[in-house]
Amino acid sequence: MPVFVGERGSIRKPGRSGSAAAVFPIRPVEPPPTPGTTFRLLQLQGLTPGEAASLTAFMCGLPTTDLRWSLGQINQMLFLQRLYGLGRFGIGDGERPRPH
């Protein structure tokens, strides 16, 4: 089905059998909240810091089984995952150099 750009900030799709076209507003995509924001919002809802950190880790896609996360650890892990995804961090990086 063809899509036409209509008025500023909307998309128009032609209707069936010559009927009026439907207008679908374009909403800007907001980035997901940062882990720190999520953590604080969960604490404001009454969760303990440990519970908020575990739920934040889960929402960020980190493993939570038998692990206790802190907000700092979550941020560090997400940073390292981002570096690895960009190819700026390899499996052997960070190892201690061996003396010859």
Protein backbone atom coordinates (compact mmCIF):
# COMPACT_ATOMS: atom_id res chain seq x y z
CA MET A 1 0.00 0.00 0.00
CA PRO A 2 1.53 3.36 -0.93
CA VAL A 3 2.22 5.82 1.83
CA PHE A 4 2.15 9.57 1.26
CA VAL A 5 3.67 12.21 3.45
CA GLY A 6 0.86 14.61 4.25
CA GLU A 7 0.86 17.59 6.51
CA ARG A 8 3.95 18.25 8.54
CA GLY A 9 4.31 15.53 11.15
CA SER A 10 1.78 13.07 9.68
CA ILE A 11 1.56 10.19 7.23
CA ARG A 12 -1.40 9.67 4.89
CA LYS A 13 -2.46 6.28 3.62
CA PRO A 14 -5.06 6.19 0.87
CA GLY A 15 -8.44 4.83 1.92
CA ARG A 16 -10.23 1.91 0.25
CA SER A 17 -12.36 2.45 -2.82
CA GLY A 18 -11.69 6.15 -3.02
CA SER A 19 -12.73 6.83 0.57
CA ALA A 20 -11.03 9.54 2.58
CA ALA A 21 -7.41 8.96 3.46
CA ALA A 22 -6.53 8.07 7.02
CA VAL A 23 -4.06 10.35 8.80
CA PHE A 24 -1.56 8.82 11.20
CA PRO A 25 0.44 11.34 13.25
CA ILE A 26 4.17 10.72 13.52
CA ARG A 27 5.32 10.67 17.10
CA PRO A 28 8.98 11.25 17.82
CA VAL A 29 10.70 8.15 19.19
CA GLU A 30 11.97 8.83 22.67
CA PRO A 31 15.11 7.04 23.83
CA PRO A 32 14.61 4.57 26.67
CA PRO A 33 15.26 5.93 30.15
CA THR A 34 18.77 5.57 31.50
CA PRO A 35 19.44 2.89 34.12
CA GLY A 36 19.91 5.64 36.73
CA THR A 37 16.51 7.12 35.96
CA THR A 38 14.87 3.69 36.05
CA PHE A 39 16.60 2.91 39.35
CA ARG A 40 15.42 6.17 40.97
CA LEU A 41 11.85 5.77 39.69
CA LEU A 42 11.69 2.24 41.12
CA GLN A 43 12.95 3.50 44.47
CA LEU A 44 10.30 6.21 44.45
CA GLN A 45 7.73 3.43 44.02
CA GLY A 46 8.94 1.85 47.27
CA LEU A 47 11.51 -0.71 46.16
CA THR A 48 14.69 -1.14 48.19
CA PRO A 49 17.97 -0.24 46.47
CA GLY A 50 18.75 -3.94 45.97
CA GLU A 51 15.33 -4.67 44.49
CA ALA A 52 15.50 -1.60 42.25
CA ALA A 53 18.98 -2.55 41.02
CA SER A 54 17.94 -6.15 40.27
CA LEU A 55 14.85 -5.05 38.37
CA THR A 56 16.86 -2.41 36.49
CA ALA A 57 19.42 -5.06 35.50
CA PHE A 58 16.61 -7.33 34.30
CA MET A 59 15.06 -4.51 32.26
CA CYS A 60 18.46 -3.84 30.66
CA GLY A 61 18.73 -7.47 29.59
CA LEU A 62 21.37 -8.50 32.10
CA PRO A 63 21.23 -11.86 33.85
CA THR A 64 19.67 -11.69 37.29
CA THR A 65 19.62 -15.31 38.43
CA ASP A 66 21.63 -15.64 41.65
CA LEU A 67 23.23 -12.20 41.10
CA ARG A 68 22.97 -9.01 43.06
CA TRP A 69 23.65 -5.90 41.03
CA SER A 70 24.46 -2.36 42.07
CA LEU A 71 23.70 0.60 39.84
CA GLY A 72 27.43 1.14 39.26
CA GLN A 73 27.89 -2.47 38.14
CA ILE A 74 24.93 -2.20 35.75
CA ASN A 75 26.32 0.97 34.18
CA GLN A 76 29.78 -0.60 33.87
CA MET A 77 28.40 -3.75 32.22
CA LEU A 78 26.28 -1.76 29.77
CA PHE A 79 29.34 0.39 28.93
CA LEU A 80 31.47 -2.69 28.25
CA GLN A 81 28.69 -4.28 26.16
CA ARG A 82 28.49 -1.10 24.08
CA LEU A 83 32.27 -1.06 23.55
CA TYR A 84 32.22 -4.72 22.53
CA GLY A 85 29.32 -4.11 20.14
CA LEU A 86 31.26 -1.26 18.50
CA GLY A 87 34.33 -3.46 18.12
CA ARG A 88 36.42 -1.39 20.52
CA PHE A 89 36.76 -4.08 23.16
CA GLY A 90 37.82 -7.67 22.54
CA ILE A 91 37.78 -10.88 24.51
CA GLY A 92 41.46 -10.58 25.50
CA ASP A 93 41.40 -6.88 26.37
CA GLY A 94 41.99 -6.08 30.00
CA GLU A 95 44.07 -9.16 30.71
CA ARG A 96 47.34 -8.67 32.49
CA PRO A 97 50.38 -8.75 30.22
CA ARG A 98 52.55 -11.79 30.80
CA PRO A 99 56.27 -11.32 31.35
CA HIS A 100 58.42 -13.14 28.80
